[in-house]
Amino acid sequence: MLGLACPGCAACTDPAGPGRRGSPGGMPGPVSTAPTPSGRLSIPEIIRKKRDGQKLWEEEIRYFVQAVASRAMKDGQIGALLMAIRLRGMEPDETLVLTREMASSGRMLAWPEKWRGLLVDKHSTGGVGDKVSLPLVPALAACGCKVSDCWWGCQI
């Protein structure tokens, strides 16, 4: 068992909970989730829970994704929770909830029915040295595929 200790940074210990990044005084987040002594739920409690190796509830994961998407969570809190997740891991059902919440947190794109089976997406890290996207995207398009987005910003 890893002996993880929170350094007591402001992100983990801020009693005000989630605050809007760059906004003085912060702003309350969407919904609280991890139980506090008052019965309310909070991001610092979610961070502590995962840091201590406990499993997160579906509601806690949903809140985290919503707070990040709405920019209602401080950068330090995001980093602290992601570090705890990286170091402690997630159960398969936690990962499933996180993936589903992330997928539904943004704008869903609707494609014409006639594109069914033709739509492809080539993911890239966008780093230096990506030698695949440049020849692959035009080749796929030449074969009739619809390429949704490529690393250099081209869109259908």
N, C-alpha and C. Protein backbone atom coordinates (compact mmCIF):
# COMPACT_ATOMS: atom_id res chain seq x y z
N MET A 1 0.84 -1.18 0.00
CA MET A 1 0.00 0.00 0.00
C MET A 1 0.89 1.24 0.00
N LEU A 2 0.56 2.16 -0.90
CA LEU A 2 1.33 3.39 -0.98
C LEU A 2 1.00 4.31 0.18
N GLY A 3 2.00 4.95 0.71
CA GLY A 3 1.79 5.90 1.78
C GLY A 3 1.67 7.30 1.21
N LEU A 4 0.53 7.65 0.65
CA LEU A 4 0.34 8.97 0.06
C LEU A 4 -0.09 9.97 1.12
N ALA A 5 0.48 11.11 1.06
CA ALA A 5 0.09 12.16 1.99
C ALA A 5 -0.14 13.44 1.23
N CYS A 6 -1.24 14.07 1.47
CA CYS A 6 -1.54 15.35 0.84
C CYS A 6 -0.63 16.41 1.46
N PRO A 7 -0.01 17.24 0.62
CA PRO A 7 0.85 18.27 1.18
C PRO A 7 0.07 19.39 1.85
N GLY A 8 -1.25 19.30 1.84
CA GLY A 8 -2.06 20.34 2.47
C GLY A 8 -2.19 21.58 1.62
N CYS A 9 -2.10 21.37 0.29
CA CYS A 9 -2.18 22.52 -0.61
C CYS A 9 -3.58 23.14 -0.55
N ALA A 10 -3.69 24.34 -1.03
CA ALA A 10 -4.96 25.05 -1.01
C ALA A 10 -6.02 24.32 -1.81
N ALA A 11 -5.62 23.61 -2.87
CA ALA A 11 -6.59 22.90 -3.70
C ALA A 11 -7.30 21.81 -2.92
N CYS A 12 -6.56 21.10 -2.07
CA CYS A 12 -7.15 20.00 -1.33
C CYS A 12 -7.88 20.45 -0.08
N THR A 13 -7.47 21.57 0.47
CA THR A 13 -8.00 21.96 1.78
C THR A 13 -8.92 23.16 1.74
N ASP A 14 -9.19 23.70 0.57
CA ASP A 14 -10.04 24.89 0.46
C ASP A 14 -11.44 24.57 0.97
N PRO A 15 -11.86 25.12 2.11
CA PRO A 15 -13.18 24.79 2.66
C PRO A 15 -14.32 25.32 1.82
N ALA A 16 -14.04 26.28 0.96
CA ALA A 16 -15.11 26.83 0.11
C ALA A 16 -15.50 25.87 -0.99
N GLY A 17 -14.68 24.83 -1.19
CA GLY A 17 -14.99 23.86 -2.23
C GLY A 17 -14.66 24.42 -3.60
N PRO A 18 -15.35 23.94 -4.61
CA PRO A 18 -15.00 24.34 -5.96
C PRO A 18 -15.22 25.82 -6.20
N GLY A 19 -14.31 26.43 -6.90
CA GLY A 19 -14.44 27.84 -7.25
C GLY A 19 -14.14 28.03 -8.72
N ARG A 20 -14.72 29.03 -9.31
CA ARG A 20 -14.47 29.27 -10.72
C ARG A 20 -13.04 29.75 -10.89
N ARG A 21 -12.31 29.08 -11.79
CA ARG A 21 -10.92 29.45 -12.03
C ARG A 21 -10.85 30.89 -12.51
N GLY A 22 -9.95 31.63 -11.91
CA GLY A 22 -9.74 33.01 -12.31
C GLY A 22 -10.78 33.98 -11.78
N SER A 23 -11.70 33.51 -10.97
CA SER A 23 -12.74 34.38 -10.43
C SER A 23 -12.50 34.59 -8.95
N PRO A 24 -12.28 35.82 -8.50
CA PRO A 24 -12.03 36.04 -7.08
C PRO A 24 -13.23 35.60 -6.24
N GLY A 25 -12.95 34.93 -5.17
CA GLY A 25 -14.01 34.50 -4.27
C GLY A 25 -14.65 33.19 -4.67
N GLY A 26 -14.42 32.75 -5.89
CA GLY A 26 -14.96 31.48 -6.34
C GLY A 26 -16.46 31.53 -6.57
N MET A 27 -16.98 30.42 -6.94
CA MET A 27 -18.39 30.30 -7.28
C MET A 27 -18.81 28.88 -6.95
N PRO A 28 -19.96 28.66 -6.38
CA PRO A 28 -20.32 27.30 -6.01
C PRO A 28 -20.42 26.40 -7.22
N GLY A 29 -20.03 25.13 -7.03
CA GLY A 29 -20.11 24.15 -8.11
C GLY A 29 -21.53 23.65 -8.28
N PRO A 30 -21.74 22.77 -9.27
CA PRO A 30 -23.07 22.28 -9.60
C PRO A 30 -23.78 21.58 -8.46
N VAL A 31 -23.20 20.52 -7.91
CA VAL A 31 -23.82 19.74 -6.85
C VAL A 31 -22.70 19.20 -5.99
N SER A 32 -22.91 19.07 -4.71
CA SER A 32 -21.89 18.48 -3.86
C SER A 32 -22.06 16.97 -3.85
N THR A 33 -20.95 16.24 -3.61
CA THR A 33 -21.06 14.79 -3.67
C THR A 33 -20.41 14.01 -2.54
N ALA A 34 -19.21 14.31 -2.13
CA ALA A 34 -18.57 13.53 -1.07
C ALA A 34 -19.05 14.03 0.28
N PRO A 35 -19.48 13.14 1.17
CA PRO A 35 -20.06 13.60 2.44
C PRO A 35 -19.07 14.39 3.30
N THR A 36 -19.54 15.45 3.87
CA THR A 36 -18.78 16.25 4.83
C THR A 36 -19.50 16.13 6.16
N PRO A 37 -18.91 16.64 7.25
CA PRO A 37 -19.60 16.55 8.54
C PRO A 37 -21.01 17.15 8.50
N SER A 38 -21.23 18.14 7.66
CA SER A 38 -22.56 18.75 7.59
C SER A 38 -23.52 17.96 6.72
N GLY A 39 -23.03 16.88 6.08
CA GLY A 39 -23.89 16.10 5.20
C GLY A 39 -23.78 16.54 3.75
N ARG A 40 -23.16 17.70 3.51
CA ARG A 40 -22.95 18.17 2.14
C ARG A 40 -21.77 17.44 1.54
N LEU A 41 -21.66 17.47 0.24
CA LEU A 41 -20.58 16.81 -0.46
C LEU A 41 -19.65 17.86 -1.07
N SER A 42 -18.35 17.53 -1.20
CA SER A 42 -17.41 18.54 -1.68
C SER A 42 -16.25 17.93 -2.43
N ILE A 43 -15.63 18.74 -3.28
CA ILE A 43 -14.46 18.32 -4.05
C ILE A 43 -13.30 17.93 -3.12
N PRO A 44 -12.97 18.73 -2.09
CA PRO A 44 -11.87 18.30 -1.22
C PRO A 44 -12.10 16.91 -0.63
N GLU A 45 -13.34 16.59 -0.30
CA GLU A 45 -13.64 15.25 0.24
C GLU A 45 -13.47 14.17 -0.83
N ILE A 46 -13.84 14.47 -2.07
CA ILE A 46 -13.65 13.51 -3.16
C ILE A 46 -12.15 13.27 -3.36
N ILE A 47 -11.37 14.34 -3.32
CA ILE A 47 -9.92 14.22 -3.48
C ILE A 47 -9.35 13.35 -2.35
N ARG A 48 -9.74 13.64 -1.11
CA ARG A 48 -9.25 12.86 0.03
C ARG A 48 -9.62 11.38 -0.11
N LYS A 49 -10.85 11.15 -0.52
CA LYS A 49 -11.35 9.78 -0.65
C LYS A 49 -10.50 8.99 -1.64
N LYS A 50 -10.26 9.55 -2.82
CA LYS A 50 -9.46 8.84 -3.82
C LYS A 50 -8.00 8.77 -3.39
N ARG A 51 -7.50 9.83 -2.79
CA ARG A 51 -6.12 9.83 -2.29
C ARG A 51 -5.90 8.68 -1.30
N ASP A 52 -6.94 8.40 -0.50
CA ASP A 52 -6.85 7.34 0.50
C ASP A 52 -7.19 5.96 -0.07
N GLY A 53 -7.36 5.88 -1.38
CA GLY A 53 -7.57 4.59 -2.04
C GLY A 53 -8.99 4.08 -2.04
N GLN A 54 -9.95 4.94 -1.71
CA GLN A 54 -11.34 4.50 -1.70
C GLN A 54 -11.97 4.61 -3.08
N LYS A 55 -13.01 3.86 -3.29
CA LYS A 55 -13.74 3.87 -4.55
C LYS A 55 -14.67 5.08 -4.57
N LEU A 56 -14.73 5.76 -5.73
CA LEU A 56 -15.63 6.91 -5.88
C LEU A 56 -17.01 6.45 -6.30
N TRP A 57 -18.02 7.12 -5.80
CA TRP A 57 -19.39 6.85 -6.19
C TRP A 57 -19.63 7.43 -7.58
N GLU A 58 -20.63 6.91 -8.26
CA GLU A 58 -20.99 7.41 -9.58
C GLU A 58 -21.29 8.91 -9.52
N GLU A 59 -21.99 9.36 -8.47
CA GLU A 59 -22.35 10.77 -8.33
C GLU A 59 -21.10 11.64 -8.17
N GLU A 60 -20.09 11.12 -7.49
CA GLU A 60 -18.85 11.88 -7.29
C GLU A 60 -18.11 12.06 -8.60
N ILE A 61 -18.06 11.01 -9.38
CA ILE A 61 -17.40 11.08 -10.69
C ILE A 61 -18.16 12.02 -11.61
N ARG A 62 -19.48 11.91 -11.59
CA ARG A 62 -20.32 12.79 -12.43
C ARG A 62 -20.09 14.25 -12.04
N TYR A 63 -20.05 14.52 -10.75
CA TYR A 63 -19.82 15.88 -10.28
C TYR A 63 -18.47 16.41 -10.74
N PHE A 64 -17.44 15.58 -10.63
CA PHE A 64 -16.10 15.97 -11.06
C PHE A 64 -16.11 16.39 -12.53
N VAL A 65 -16.67 15.56 -13.38
CA VAL A 65 -16.69 15.87 -14.82
C VAL A 65 -17.51 17.14 -15.08
N GLN A 66 -18.66 17.27 -14.42
CA GLN A 66 -19.48 18.48 -14.61
C GLN A 66 -18.77 19.72 -14.12
N ALA A 67 -18.05 19.61 -13.00
CA ALA A 67 -17.34 20.76 -12.45
C ALA A 67 -16.20 21.18 -13.38
N VAL A 68 -15.50 20.22 -13.96
CA VAL A 68 -14.43 20.54 -14.91
C VAL A 68 -15.02 21.17 -16.16
N ALA A 69 -16.07 20.56 -16.70
CA ALA A 69 -16.69 21.06 -17.94
C ALA A 69 -17.26 22.46 -17.78
N SER A 70 -17.78 22.76 -16.60
CA SER A 70 -18.38 24.08 -16.37
C SER A 70 -17.36 25.09 -15.83
N ARG A 71 -16.11 24.66 -15.71
CA ARG A 71 -15.02 25.49 -15.19
C ARG A 71 -15.30 25.97 -13.76
N ALA A 72 -15.99 25.14 -13.00
CA ALA A 72 -16.34 25.48 -11.62
C ALA A 72 -15.38 24.84 -10.62
N MET A 73 -14.26 24.36 -11.10
CA MET A 73 -13.31 23.67 -10.23
C MET A 73 -11.93 24.29 -10.45
N LYS A 74 -11.20 24.48 -9.39
CA LYS A 74 -9.88 25.09 -9.47
C LYS A 74 -8.89 24.13 -10.14
N ASP A 75 -7.93 24.70 -10.88
CA ASP A 75 -6.92 23.88 -11.55
C ASP A 75 -6.20 22.96 -10.58
N GLY A 76 -5.87 23.47 -9.41
CA GLY A 76 -5.16 22.65 -8.41
C GLY A 76 -5.99 21.48 -7.94
N GLN A 77 -7.30 21.68 -7.82
CA GLN A 77 -8.18 20.59 -7.41
C GLN A 77 -8.27 19.53 -8.50
N ILE A 78 -8.35 19.98 -9.75
CA ILE A 78 -8.38 19.04 -10.88
C ILE A 78 -7.10 18.20 -10.86
N GLY A 79 -5.96 18.89 -10.74
CA GLY A 79 -4.68 18.19 -10.71
C GLY A 79 -4.56 17.23 -9.55
N ALA A 80 -5.03 17.65 -8.38
CA ALA A 80 -4.94 16.80 -7.19
C ALA A 80 -5.76 15.52 -7.36
N LEU A 81 -6.98 15.65 -7.89
CA LEU A 81 -7.81 14.46 -8.08
C LEU A 81 -7.23 13.57 -9.17
N LEU A 82 -6.76 14.16 -10.27
CA LEU A 82 -6.17 13.35 -11.33
C LEU A 82 -4.92 12.62 -10.84
N MET A 83 -4.12 13.28 -10.02
CA MET A 83 -2.94 12.62 -9.47
C MET A 83 -3.34 11.46 -8.55
N ALA A 84 -4.35 11.67 -7.74
CA ALA A 84 -4.82 10.60 -6.86
C ALA A 84 -5.35 9.42 -7.68
N ILE A 85 -6.08 9.73 -8.75
CA ILE A 85 -6.59 8.67 -9.63
C ILE A 85 -5.43 7.93 -10.28
N ARG A 86 -4.44 8.67 -10.74
CA ARG A 86 -3.27 8.04 -11.40
C ARG A 86 -2.52 7.15 -10.42
N LEU A 87 -2.32 7.62 -9.20
CA LEU A 87 -1.55 6.86 -8.23
C LEU A 87 -2.33 5.70 -7.62
N ARG A 88 -3.62 5.89 -7.39
CA ARG A 88 -4.44 4.88 -6.73
C ARG A 88 -5.23 4.00 -7.70
N GLY A 89 -5.40 4.50 -8.94
CA GLY A 89 -6.14 3.73 -9.93
C GLY A 89 -7.65 3.86 -9.75
N MET A 90 -8.36 3.24 -10.67
CA MET A 90 -9.82 3.23 -10.62
C MET A 90 -10.29 1.81 -10.90
N GLU A 91 -11.38 1.45 -10.28
CA GLU A 91 -12.02 0.17 -10.56
C GLU A 91 -12.63 0.25 -11.96
N PRO A 92 -12.83 -0.89 -12.62
CA PRO A 92 -13.43 -0.85 -13.97
C PRO A 92 -14.76 -0.10 -14.03
N ASP A 93 -15.61 -0.25 -13.01
CA ASP A 93 -16.89 0.46 -13.05
C ASP A 93 -16.71 1.97 -12.86
N GLU A 94 -15.69 2.39 -12.11
CA GLU A 94 -15.38 3.82 -11.99
C GLU A 94 -14.93 4.37 -13.35
N THR A 95 -14.07 3.61 -14.02
CA THR A 95 -13.57 4.02 -15.33
C THR A 95 -14.72 4.12 -16.34
N LEU A 96 -15.65 3.18 -16.28
CA LEU A 96 -16.80 3.20 -17.17
C LEU A 96 -17.64 4.46 -16.94
N VAL A 97 -17.91 4.78 -15.69
CA VAL A 97 -18.69 5.98 -15.37
C VAL A 97 -17.95 7.23 -15.85
N LEU A 98 -16.65 7.30 -15.58
CA LEU A 98 -15.86 8.45 -16.00
C LEU A 98 -15.89 8.62 -17.52
N THR A 99 -15.72 7.53 -18.24
CA THR A 99 -15.75 7.58 -19.71
C THR A 99 -17.10 8.04 -20.23
N ARG A 100 -18.16 7.48 -19.69
CA ARG A 100 -19.51 7.88 -20.13
C ARG A 100 -19.80 9.34 -19.81
N GLU A 101 -19.41 9.78 -18.63
CA GLU A 101 -19.65 11.18 -18.24
C GLU A 101 -18.85 12.13 -19.12
N MET A 102 -17.60 11.77 -19.41
CA MET A 102 -16.80 12.63 -20.28
C MET A 102 -17.41 12.70 -21.68
N ALA A 103 -17.86 11.57 -22.19
CA ALA A 103 -18.44 11.53 -23.53
C ALA A 103 -19.72 12.38 -23.62
N SER A 104 -20.48 12.41 -22.55
CA SER A 104 -21.74 13.15 -22.58
C SER A 104 -21.61 14.58 -22.06
N SER A 105 -20.40 14.98 -21.66
CA SER A 105 -20.22 16.31 -21.08
C SER A 105 -20.11 17.42 -22.13
N GLY A 106 -19.83 17.05 -23.33
CA GLY A 106 -19.65 18.06 -24.38
C GLY A 106 -20.77 18.04 -25.39
N ARG A 107 -20.54 18.75 -26.46
CA ARG A 107 -21.52 18.81 -27.53
C ARG A 107 -21.45 17.52 -28.34
N MET A 108 -22.60 16.91 -28.55
CA MET A 108 -22.67 15.68 -29.34
C MET A 108 -22.90 16.07 -30.79
N LEU A 109 -22.11 15.51 -31.66
CA LEU A 109 -22.22 15.82 -33.08
C LEU A 109 -23.18 14.85 -33.75
N ALA A 110 -23.97 15.35 -34.66
CA ALA A 110 -24.89 14.51 -35.42
C ALA A 110 -24.43 14.50 -36.88
N TRP A 111 -24.29 13.32 -37.42
CA TRP A 111 -23.83 13.18 -38.79
C TRP A 111 -24.97 12.70 -39.68
N PRO A 112 -24.95 13.05 -40.97
CA PRO A 112 -26.01 12.58 -41.88
C PRO A 112 -26.02 11.05 -41.93
N GLU A 113 -27.20 10.49 -42.01
CA GLU A 113 -27.37 9.03 -42.05
C GLU A 113 -26.59 8.42 -43.22
N LYS A 114 -26.51 9.15 -44.33
CA LYS A 114 -25.82 8.60 -45.51
C LYS A 114 -24.31 8.42 -45.27
N TRP A 115 -23.79 9.01 -44.19
CA TRP A 115 -22.37 8.84 -43.86
C TRP A 115 -22.11 7.61 -43.02
N ARG A 116 -23.17 6.90 -42.61
CA ARG A 116 -23.00 5.72 -41.76
C ARG A 116 -22.01 4.76 -42.43
N GLY A 117 -21.00 4.36 -41.68
CA GLY A 117 -19.98 3.46 -42.19
C GLY A 117 -18.85 4.15 -42.92
N LEU A 118 -18.97 5.45 -43.14
CA LEU A 118 -17.93 6.19 -43.85
C LEU A 118 -17.16 7.15 -42.95
N LEU A 119 -17.71 7.44 -41.79
CA LEU A 119 -17.12 8.43 -40.90
C LEU A 119 -15.99 7.81 -40.09
N VAL A 120 -14.81 8.42 -40.15
CA VAL A 120 -13.66 7.92 -39.40
C VAL A 120 -13.03 9.09 -38.66
N ASP A 121 -12.23 8.76 -37.65
CA ASP A 121 -11.54 9.77 -36.88
C ASP A 121 -10.13 9.26 -36.63
N LYS A 122 -9.15 10.03 -36.97
CA LYS A 122 -7.76 9.67 -36.74
C LYS A 122 -7.27 10.49 -35.58
N HIS A 123 -7.07 9.86 -34.44
CA HIS A 123 -6.57 10.58 -33.26
C HIS A 123 -5.06 10.73 -33.34
N SER A 124 -4.58 11.80 -32.78
CA SER A 124 -3.16 12.06 -32.74
C SER A 124 -2.82 12.76 -31.44
N THR A 125 -1.62 12.53 -30.97
CA THR A 125 -1.18 13.24 -29.78
C THR A 125 -0.89 14.69 -30.10
N GLY A 126 -0.74 14.99 -31.39
CA GLY A 126 -0.45 16.35 -31.81
C GLY A 126 0.98 16.76 -31.55
N GLY A 127 1.79 15.80 -31.14
CA GLY A 127 3.18 16.09 -30.85
C GLY A 127 4.04 16.18 -32.10
N VAL A 128 5.23 16.63 -31.91
CA VAL A 128 6.19 16.70 -33.01
C VAL A 128 6.53 15.28 -33.45
N GLY A 129 6.58 15.08 -34.74
CA GLY A 129 6.99 13.78 -35.25
C GLY A 129 5.84 12.89 -35.66
N ASP A 130 4.62 13.38 -35.66
CA ASP A 130 3.50 12.57 -36.12
C ASP A 130 3.60 12.46 -37.63
N LYS A 131 4.01 11.30 -38.09
CA LYS A 131 4.23 11.09 -39.53
C LYS A 131 3.07 10.36 -40.20
N VAL A 132 2.03 10.01 -39.45
CA VAL A 132 0.95 9.20 -40.00
C VAL A 132 -0.21 10.04 -40.53
N SER A 133 -0.62 11.06 -39.79
CA SER A 133 -1.81 11.83 -40.16
C SER A 133 -1.71 12.48 -41.52
N LEU A 134 -0.58 13.08 -41.83
CA LEU A 134 -0.44 13.82 -43.07
C LEU A 134 -0.76 12.98 -44.30
N PRO A 135 -0.22 11.76 -44.46
CA PRO A 135 -0.61 10.97 -45.63
C PRO A 135 -1.92 10.19 -45.44
N LEU A 136 -2.27 9.86 -44.19
CA LEU A 136 -3.44 9.01 -43.95
C LEU A 136 -4.76 9.72 -44.22
N VAL A 137 -4.90 10.95 -43.74
CA VAL A 137 -6.18 11.66 -43.88
C VAL A 137 -6.57 11.83 -45.35
N PRO A 138 -5.69 12.32 -46.23
CA PRO A 138 -6.07 12.43 -47.65
C PRO A 138 -6.34 11.06 -48.28
N ALA A 139 -5.60 10.04 -47.87
CA ALA A 139 -5.83 8.70 -48.41
C ALA A 139 -7.21 8.18 -48.02
N LEU A 140 -7.60 8.41 -46.77
CA LEU A 140 -8.94 8.00 -46.34
C LEU A 140 -10.02 8.76 -47.10
N ALA A 141 -9.80 10.07 -47.28
CA ALA A 141 -10.77 10.89 -48.02
C ALA A 141 -10.87 10.41 -49.47
N ALA A 142 -9.75 10.04 -50.07
CA ALA A 142 -9.75 9.55 -51.45
C ALA A 142 -10.52 8.24 -51.58
N CYS A 143 -10.60 7.49 -50.49
CA CYS A 143 -11.35 6.23 -50.48
C CYS A 143 -12.83 6.45 -50.16
N GLY A 144 -13.23 7.70 -50.00
CA GLY A 144 -14.63 8.00 -49.73
C GLY A 144 -14.98 8.17 -48.27
N CYS A 145 -14.00 8.06 -47.41
CA CYS A 145 -14.26 8.22 -45.98
C CYS A 145 -14.45 9.69 -45.64
N LYS A 146 -15.23 9.93 -44.63
CA LYS A 146 -15.41 11.27 -44.08
C LYS A 146 -14.55 11.35 -42.83
N VAL A 147 -13.55 12.21 -42.85
CA VAL A 147 -12.64 12.34 -41.72
C VAL A 147 -13.13 13.50 -40.86
N SER A 148 -13.51 13.18 -39.61
CA SER A 148 -14.18 14.17 -38.78
C SER A 148 -13.29 15.33 -38.36
N ASP A 149 -12.07 15.06 -38.02
CA ASP A 149 -11.18 16.12 -37.53
C ASP A 149 -9.78 15.57 -37.52
N CYS A 150 -8.84 16.35 -37.93
CA CYS A 150 -7.47 15.89 -37.91
C CYS A 150 -6.65 16.85 -37.05
N TRP A 151 -5.43 16.49 -36.76
CA TRP A 151 -4.63 17.24 -35.81
C TRP A 151 -4.31 18.65 -36.27
N TRP A 152 -4.32 18.92 -37.54
CA TRP A 152 -3.98 20.29 -37.97
C TRP A 152 -5.20 21.17 -38.12
N GLY A 153 -6.37 20.66 -37.69
CA GLY A 153 -7.56 21.52 -37.60
C GLY A 153 -8.52 21.41 -38.75
N CYS A 154 -8.22 20.58 -39.75
CA CYS A 154 -9.15 20.42 -40.87
C CYS A 154 -10.43 19.75 -40.37
N GLN A 155 -11.53 20.17 -40.91
CA GLN A 155 -12.79 19.53 -40.56
C GLN A 155 -13.56 19.23 -41.82
N ILE A 156 -14.53 18.37 -41.71
CA ILE A 156 -15.32 17.96 -42.87
C ILE A 156 -15.92 19.17 -43.57
